Amino acid sequence: MSRRVCYWDSACIESFWGQMKEQMGETAHLLASEVMERVDEYVSYYNNLRGQGRLGWLTPLEYAGRLTAYL
């Protein structure tokens, strides 16, 4: 048997989709392929170019550059 559903289980992904929708703006008029392209672009931005608190608000690319310079 599976356990009872807990809404906290999906809080992180719901937050991500909410932020994405807010930053992307209106997408109702786009074709499915255009929406997929914009989602891919946003996920790439979110994972690689956005400053992250756990990295001292550096982007992952900036953090990797400082880390390699340090080593």
PDB file of N, CA and C in Angstrom:
ATOM      1  N   MET A   1       0.833  -1.182   0.000  1.00  0.00           N
ATOM      2  CA  MET A   1       0.000   0.000   0.000  1.00  0.00           C
ATOM      3  C   MET A   1       0.878   1.246   0.000  1.00  0.00           C
ATOM      4  N   SER A   2       0.414   2.257  -0.664  1.00  0.00           N
ATOM      5  CA  SER A   2       1.158   3.512  -0.666  1.00  0.00           C
ATOM      6  C   SER A   2       0.702   4.371   0.501  1.00  0.00           C
ATOM      7  N   ARG A   3       1.544   5.310   0.843  1.00  0.00           N
ATOM      8  CA  ARG A   3       1.205   6.166   1.973  1.00  0.00           C
ATOM      9  C   ARG A   3       0.244   7.271   1.543  1.00  0.00           C
ATOM     10  N   ARG A   4      -0.330   7.896   2.503  1.00  0.00           N
ATOM     11  CA  ARG A   4      -1.267   8.983   2.253  1.00  0.00           C
ATOM     12  C   ARG A   4      -0.534  10.170   1.618  1.00  0.00           C
ATOM     13  N   VAL A   5      -1.176  10.863   0.719  1.00  0.00           N
ATOM     14  CA  VAL A   5      -0.571  11.983   0.016  1.00  0.00           C
ATOM     15  C   VAL A   5      -0.369  13.156   0.966  1.00  0.00           C
ATOM     16  N   CYS A   6       0.802  13.750   0.874  1.00  0.00           N
ATOM     17  CA  CYS A   6       1.140  14.911   1.682  1.00  0.00           C
ATOM     18  C   CYS A   6       1.472  16.063   0.737  1.00  0.00           C
ATOM     19  N   TYR A   7       0.802  17.189   0.873  1.00  0.00           N
ATOM     20  CA  TYR A   7       1.008  18.284  -0.063  1.00  0.00           C
ATOM     21  C   TYR A   7       2.414  18.861   0.010  1.00  0.00           C
ATOM     22  N   TRP A   8       3.153  18.622   1.100  1.00  0.00           N
ATOM     23  CA  TRP A   8       4.529  19.101   1.183  1.00  0.00           C
ATOM     24  C   TRP A   8       5.445  18.356   0.224  1.00  0.00           C
ATOM     25  N   ASP A   9       5.030  17.169  -0.219  1.00  0.00           N
ATOM     26  CA  ASP A   9       5.852  16.391  -1.139  1.00  0.00           C
ATOM     27  C   ASP A   9       6.093  17.119  -2.452  1.00  0.00           C
ATOM     28  N   SER A  10       5.144  17.923  -2.888  1.00  0.00           N
ATOM     29  CA  SER A  10       5.277  18.587  -4.176  1.00  0.00           C
ATOM     30  C   SER A  10       5.523  20.090  -4.053  1.00  0.00           C
ATOM     31  N   ALA A  11       5.834  20.571  -2.864  1.00  0.00           N
ATOM     32  CA  ALA A  11       5.993  22.009  -2.644  1.00  0.00           C
ATOM     33  C   ALA A  11       7.131  22.595  -3.483  1.00  0.00           C
ATOM     34  N   CYS A  12       8.251  21.900  -3.589  1.00  0.00           N
ATOM     35  CA  CYS A  12       9.401  22.435  -4.331  1.00  0.00           C
ATOM     36  C   CYS A  12       9.084  22.586  -5.817  1.00  0.00           C
ATOM     37  N   ILE A  13       8.500  21.569  -6.415  1.00  0.00           N
ATOM     38  CA  ILE A  13       8.214  21.639  -7.849  1.00  0.00           C
ATOM     39  C   ILE A  13       7.084  22.619  -8.128  1.00  0.00           C
ATOM     40  N   GLU A  14       6.122  22.715  -7.232  1.00  0.00           N
ATOM     41  CA  GLU A  14       5.052  23.699  -7.409  1.00  0.00           C
ATOM     42  C   GLU A  14       5.622  25.114  -7.343  1.00  0.00           C
ATOM     43  N   SER A  15       6.574  25.355  -6.466  1.00  0.00           N
ATOM     44  CA  SER A  15       7.231  26.648  -6.382  1.00  0.00           C
ATOM     45  C   SER A  15       7.988  26.946  -7.673  1.00  0.00           C
ATOM     46  N   PHE A  16       8.706  25.946  -8.191  1.00  0.00           N
ATOM     47  CA  PHE A  16       9.444  26.121  -9.444  1.00  0.00           C
ATOM     48  C   PHE A  16       8.504  26.498 -10.581  1.00  0.00           C
ATOM     49  N   TRP A  17       7.415  25.751 -10.765  1.00  0.00           N
ATOM     50  CA  TRP A  17       6.480  26.040 -11.859  1.00  0.00           C
ATOM     51  C   TRP A  17       5.831  27.410 -11.682  1.00  0.00           C
ATOM     52  N   GLY A  18       5.538  27.782 -10.446  1.00  0.00           N
ATOM     53  CA  GLY A  18       4.960  29.097 -10.195  1.00  0.00           C
ATOM     54  C   GLY A  18       5.908  30.217 -10.579  1.00  0.00           C
ATOM     55  N   GLN A  19       7.187  30.078 -10.218  1.00  0.00           N
ATOM     56  CA  GLN A  19       8.189  31.078 -10.583  1.00  0.00           C
ATOM     57  C   GLN A  19       8.357  31.142 -12.098  1.00  0.00           C
ATOM     58  N   MET A  20       8.377  29.982 -12.728  1.00  0.00           N
ATOM     59  CA  MET A  20       8.549  29.941 -14.172  1.00  0.00           C
ATOM     60  C   MET A  20       7.390  30.640 -14.878  1.00  0.00           C
ATOM     61  N   LYS A  21       6.180  30.338 -14.470  1.00  0.00           N
ATOM     62  CA  LYS A  21       5.009  30.965 -15.089  1.00  0.00           C
ATOM     63  C   LYS A  21       5.032  32.473 -14.905  1.00  0.00           C
ATOM     64  N   GLU A  22       5.434  32.916 -13.724  1.00  0.00           N
ATOM     65  CA  GLU A  22       5.489  34.340 -13.434  1.00  0.00           C
ATOM     66  C   GLU A  22       6.519  35.041 -14.314  1.00  0.00           C
ATOM     67  N   GLN A  23       7.681  34.436 -14.509  1.00  0.00           N
ATOM     68  CA  GLN A  23       8.742  35.054 -15.275  1.00  0.00           C
ATOM     69  C   GLN A  23       8.556  34.917 -16.779  1.00  0.00           C
ATOM     70  N   MET A  24       7.890  33.862 -17.234  1.00  0.00           N
ATOM     71  CA  MET A  24       7.698  33.660 -18.669  1.00  0.00           C
ATOM     72  C   MET A  24       6.556  34.490 -19.221  1.00  0.00           C
ATOM     73  N   GLY A  25       5.602  34.826 -18.396  1.00  0.00           N
ATOM     74  CA  GLY A  25       4.461  35.595 -18.870  1.00  0.00           C
ATOM     75  C   GLY A  25       3.430  34.708 -19.541  1.00  0.00           C
ATOM     76  N   GLU A  26       2.632  35.290 -20.398  1.00  0.00           N
ATOM     77  CA  GLU A  26       1.517  34.587 -21.056  1.00  0.00           C
ATOM     78  C   GLU A  26       2.041  33.604 -22.101  1.00  0.00           C
ATOM     79  N   THR A  27       1.570  32.356 -22.044  1.00  0.00           N
ATOM     80  CA  THR A  27       1.982  31.335 -23.011  1.00  0.00           C
ATOM     81  C   THR A  27       0.790  30.681 -23.687  1.00  0.00           C
ATOM     82  N   ALA A  28      -0.414  31.203 -23.482  1.00  0.00           N
ATOM     83  CA  ALA A  28      -1.618  30.561 -24.006  1.00  0.00           C
ATOM     84  C   ALA A  28      -1.661  30.557 -25.530  1.00  0.00           C
ATOM     85  N   HIS A  29      -1.044  31.534 -26.168  1.00  0.00           N
ATOM     86  CA  HIS A  29      -1.108  31.639 -27.616  1.00  0.00           C
ATOM     87  C   HIS A  29      -0.016  30.848 -28.329  1.00  0.00           C
ATOM     88  N   LEU A  30       0.886  30.196 -27.594  1.00  0.00           N
ATOM     89  CA  LEU A  30       2.011  29.483 -28.191  1.00  0.00           C
ATOM     90  C   LEU A  30       1.645  28.050 -28.572  1.00  0.00           C
ATOM     91  N   LEU A  31       2.336  27.542 -29.570  1.00  0.00           N
ATOM     92  CA  LEU A  31       2.199  26.133 -29.934  1.00  0.00           C
ATOM     93  C   LEU A  31       2.929  25.279 -28.897  1.00  0.00           C
ATOM     94  N   ALA A  32       2.592  24.003 -28.863  1.00  0.00           N
ATOM     95  CA  ALA A  32       3.206  23.098 -27.886  1.00  0.00           C
ATOM     96  C   ALA A  32       4.723  23.068 -28.041  1.00  0.00           C
ATOM     97  N   SER A  33       5.218  23.063 -29.272  1.00  0.00           N
ATOM     98  CA  SER A  33       6.669  23.027 -29.487  1.00  0.00           C
ATOM     99  C   SER A  33       7.336  24.300 -28.967  1.00  0.00           C
ATOM    100  N   GLU A  34       6.661  25.448 -29.106  1.00  0.00           N
ATOM    101  CA  GLU A  34       7.203  26.704 -28.597  1.00  0.00           C
ATOM    102  C   GLU A  34       7.225  26.710 -27.069  1.00  0.00           C
ATOM    103  N   VAL A  35       6.190  26.156 -26.469  1.00  0.00           N
ATOM    104  CA  VAL A  35       6.146  26.077 -25.007  1.00  0.00           C
ATOM    105  C   VAL A  35       7.275  25.182 -24.508  1.00  0.00           C
ATOM    106  N   MET A  36       7.486  24.050 -25.158  1.00  0.00           N
ATOM    107  CA  MET A  36       8.564  23.141 -24.751  1.00  0.00           C
ATOM    108  C   MET A  36       9.923  23.818 -24.888  1.00  0.00           C
ATOM    109  N   GLU A  37      10.114  24.593 -25.946  1.00  0.00           N
ATOM    110  CA  GLU A  37      11.371  25.298 -26.144  1.00  0.00           C
ATOM    111  C   GLU A  37      11.592  26.332 -25.041  1.00  0.00           C
ATOM    112  N   ARG A  38      10.538  27.068 -24.693  1.00  0.00           N
ATOM    113  CA  ARG A  38      10.652  28.072 -23.636  1.00  0.00           C
ATOM    114  C   ARG A  38      10.885  27.432 -22.275  1.00  0.00           C
ATOM    115  N   VAL A  39      10.256  26.287 -22.027  1.00  0.00           N
ATOM    116  CA  VAL A  39      10.479  25.574 -20.765  1.00  0.00           C
ATOM    117  C   VAL A  39      11.927  25.100 -20.695  1.00  0.00           C
ATOM    118  N   ASP A  40      12.455  24.545 -21.794  1.00  0.00           N
ATOM    119  CA  ASP A  40      13.844  24.102 -21.821  1.00  0.00           C
ATOM    120  C   ASP A  40      14.798  25.267 -21.556  1.00  0.00           C
ATOM    121  N   GLU A  41      14.522  26.426 -22.166  1.00  0.00           N
ATOM    122  CA  GLU A  41      15.354  27.606 -21.953  1.00  0.00           C
ATOM    123  C   GLU A  41      15.302  28.040 -20.486  1.00  0.00           C
ATOM    124  N   TYR A  42      14.112  28.022 -19.907  1.00  0.00           N
ATOM    125  CA  TYR A  42      13.981  28.455 -18.513  1.00  0.00           C
ATOM    126  C   TYR A  42      14.673  27.488 -17.566  1.00  0.00           C
ATOM    127  N   VAL A  43      14.543  26.202 -17.806  1.00  0.00           N
ATOM    128  CA  VAL A  43      15.194  25.210 -16.945  1.00  0.00           C
ATOM    129  C   VAL A  43      16.710  25.369 -17.034  1.00  0.00           C
ATOM    130  N   SER A  44      17.225  25.621 -18.238  1.00  0.00           N
ATOM    131  CA  SER A  44      18.653  25.855 -18.403  1.00  0.00           C
ATOM    132  C   SER A  44      19.085  27.099 -17.624  1.00  0.00           C
ATOM    133  N   TYR A  45      18.308  28.174 -17.735  1.00  0.00           N
ATOM    134  CA  TYR A  45      18.595  29.391 -16.967  1.00  0.00           C
ATOM    135  C   TYR A  45      18.547  29.103 -15.469  1.00  0.00           C
ATOM    136  N   TYR A  46      17.494  28.421 -15.024  1.00  0.00           N
ATOM    137  CA  TYR A  46      17.278  28.158 -13.599  1.00  0.00           C
ATOM    138  C   TYR A  46      18.428  27.345 -13.013  1.00  0.00           C
ATOM    139  N   ASN A  47      18.925  26.378 -13.768  1.00  0.00           N
ATOM    140  CA  ASN A  47      19.970  25.491 -13.262  1.00  0.00           C
ATOM    141  C   ASN A  47      21.380  26.053 -13.422  1.00  0.00           C
ATOM    142  N   ASN A  48      21.608  26.917 -14.423  1.00  0.00           N
ATOM    143  CA  ASN A  48      22.971  27.318 -14.742  1.00  0.00           C
ATOM    144  C   ASN A  48      23.285  28.805 -14.585  1.00  0.00           C
ATOM    145  N   LEU A  49      22.328  29.678 -14.799  1.00  0.00           N
ATOM    146  CA  LEU A  49      22.620  31.105 -14.856  1.00  0.00           C
ATOM    147  C   LEU A  49      22.034  31.917 -13.708  1.00  0.00           C
ATOM    148  N   ARG A  50      21.147  31.335 -12.939  1.00  0.00           N
ATOM    149  CA  ARG A  50      20.490  32.035 -11.838  1.00  0.00           C
ATOM    150  C   ARG A  50      21.369  31.951 -10.599  1.00  0.00           C
ATOM    151  N   GLY A  51      21.534  33.077  -9.891  1.00  0.00           N
ATOM    152  CA  GLY A  51      22.278  33.061  -8.646  1.00  0.00           C
ATOM    153  C   GLY A  51      21.591  32.172  -7.619  1.00  0.00           C
ATOM    154  N   GLN A  52      22.362  31.385  -6.901  1.00  0.00           N
ATOM    155  CA  GLN A  52      21.793  30.442  -5.944  1.00  0.00           C
ATOM    156  C   GLN A  52      22.316  30.742  -4.544  1.00  0.00           C
ATOM    157  N   GLY A  53      21.407  30.780  -3.593  1.00  0.00           N
ATOM    158  CA  GLY A  53      21.742  31.119  -2.220  1.00  0.00           C
ATOM    159  C   GLY A  53      22.779  30.202  -1.604  1.00  0.00           C
ATOM    160  N   ARG A  54      22.707  28.933  -1.907  1.00  0.00           N
ATOM    161  CA  ARG A  54      23.654  27.987  -1.304  1.00  0.00           C
ATOM    162  C   ARG A  54      25.069  28.165  -1.838  1.00  0.00           C
ATOM    163  N   LEU A  55      25.214  28.932  -2.932  1.00  0.00           N
ATOM    164  CA  LEU A  55      26.528  29.203  -3.510  1.00  0.00           C
ATOM    165  C   LEU A  55      26.959  30.647  -3.259  1.00  0.00           C
ATOM    166  N   GLY A  56      26.349  31.291  -2.274  1.00  0.00           N
ATOM    167  CA  GLY A  56      26.672  32.680  -1.986  1.00  0.00           C
ATOM    168  C   GLY A  56      26.140  33.628  -3.043  1.00  0.00           C
ATOM    169  N   TRP A  57      25.046  33.306  -3.647  1.00  0.00           N
ATOM    170  CA  TRP A  57      24.367  34.065  -4.710  1.00  0.00           C
ATOM    171  C   TRP A  57      25.198  34.201  -5.970  1.00  0.00           C
ATOM    172  N   LEU A  58      26.110  33.255  -6.165  1.00  0.00           N
ATOM    173  CA  LEU A  58      26.819  33.149  -7.435  1.00  0.00           C
ATOM    174  C   LEU A  58      26.065  32.193  -8.332  1.00  0.00           C
ATOM    175  N   THR A  59      26.267  32.324  -9.636  1.00  0.00           N
ATOM    176  CA  THR A  59      25.721  31.317 -10.543  1.00  0.00           C
ATOM    177  C   THR A  59      26.603  30.078 -10.437  1.00  0.00           C
ATOM    178  N   PRO A  60      26.098  28.918 -10.818  1.00  0.00           N
ATOM    179  CA  PRO A  60      26.946  27.727 -10.779  1.00  0.00           C
ATOM    180  C   PRO A  60      28.221  27.876 -11.624  1.00  0.00           C
ATOM    181  N   LEU A  61      28.130  28.589 -12.748  1.00  0.00           N
ATOM    182  CA  LEU A  61      29.307  28.791 -13.590  1.00  0.00           C
ATOM    183  C   LEU A  61      30.339  29.678 -12.893  1.00  0.00           C
ATOM    184  N   GLU A  62      29.891  30.745 -12.223  1.00  0.00           N
ATOM    185  CA  GLU A  62      30.803  31.603 -11.471  1.00  0.00           C
ATOM    186  C   GLU A  62      31.448  30.836 -10.317  1.00  0.00           C
ATOM    187  N   TYR A  63      30.639  30.040  -9.629  1.00  0.00           N
ATOM    188  CA  TYR A  63      31.138  29.263  -8.499  1.00  0.00           C
ATOM    189  C   TYR A  63      32.191  28.260  -8.967  1.00  0.00           C
ATOM    190  N   ALA A  64      31.929  27.581 -10.072  1.00  0.00           N
ATOM    191  CA  ALA A  64      32.895  26.611 -10.604  1.00  0.00           C
ATOM    192  C   ALA A  64      34.179  27.306 -11.005  1.00  0.00           C
ATOM    193  N   GLY A  65      34.083  28.511 -11.595  1.00  0.00           N
ATOM    194  CA  GLY A  65      35.266  29.255 -11.961  1.00  0.00           C
ATOM    195  C   GLY A  65      36.097  29.642 -10.756  1.00  0.00           C
ATOM    196  N   ARG A  66      35.449  30.096  -9.692  1.00  0.00           N
ATOM    197  CA  ARG A  66      36.182  30.454  -8.473  1.00  0.00           C
ATOM    198  C   ARG A  66      36.776  29.226  -7.807  1.00  0.00           C
ATOM    199  N   LEU A  67      36.068  28.119  -7.866  1.00  0.00           N
ATOM    200  CA  LEU A  67      36.551  26.891  -7.256  1.00  0.00           C
ATOM    201  C   LEU A  67      37.794  26.382  -7.984  1.00  0.00           C
ATOM    202  N   THR A  68      37.760  26.407  -9.315  1.00  0.00           N
ATOM    203  CA  THR A  68      38.942  25.944 -10.067  1.00  0.00           C
ATOM    204  C   THR A  68      40.113  26.901  -9.893  1.00  0.00           C
ATOM    205  N   ALA A  69      39.840  28.214  -9.762  1.00  0.00           N
ATOM    206  CA  ALA A  69      40.916  29.177  -9.527  1.00  0.00           C
ATOM    207  C   ALA A  69      41.539  28.958  -8.145  1.00  0.00           C
ATOM    208  N   TYR A  70      40.704  28.564  -7.187  1.00  0.00           N
ATOM    209  CA  TYR A  70      41.180  28.316  -5.834  1.00  0.00           C
ATOM    210  C   TYR A  70      42.056  27.081  -5.763  1.00  0.00           C
ATOM    211  N   LEU A  71      41.684  26.060  -6.527  1.00  0.00           N
ATOM    212  CA  LEU A  71      42.441  24.810  -6.495  1.00  0.00           C
ATOM    213  C   LEU A  71      43.627  24.953  -7.388  1.00  0.00           C
TER     214      LEU A  71
END
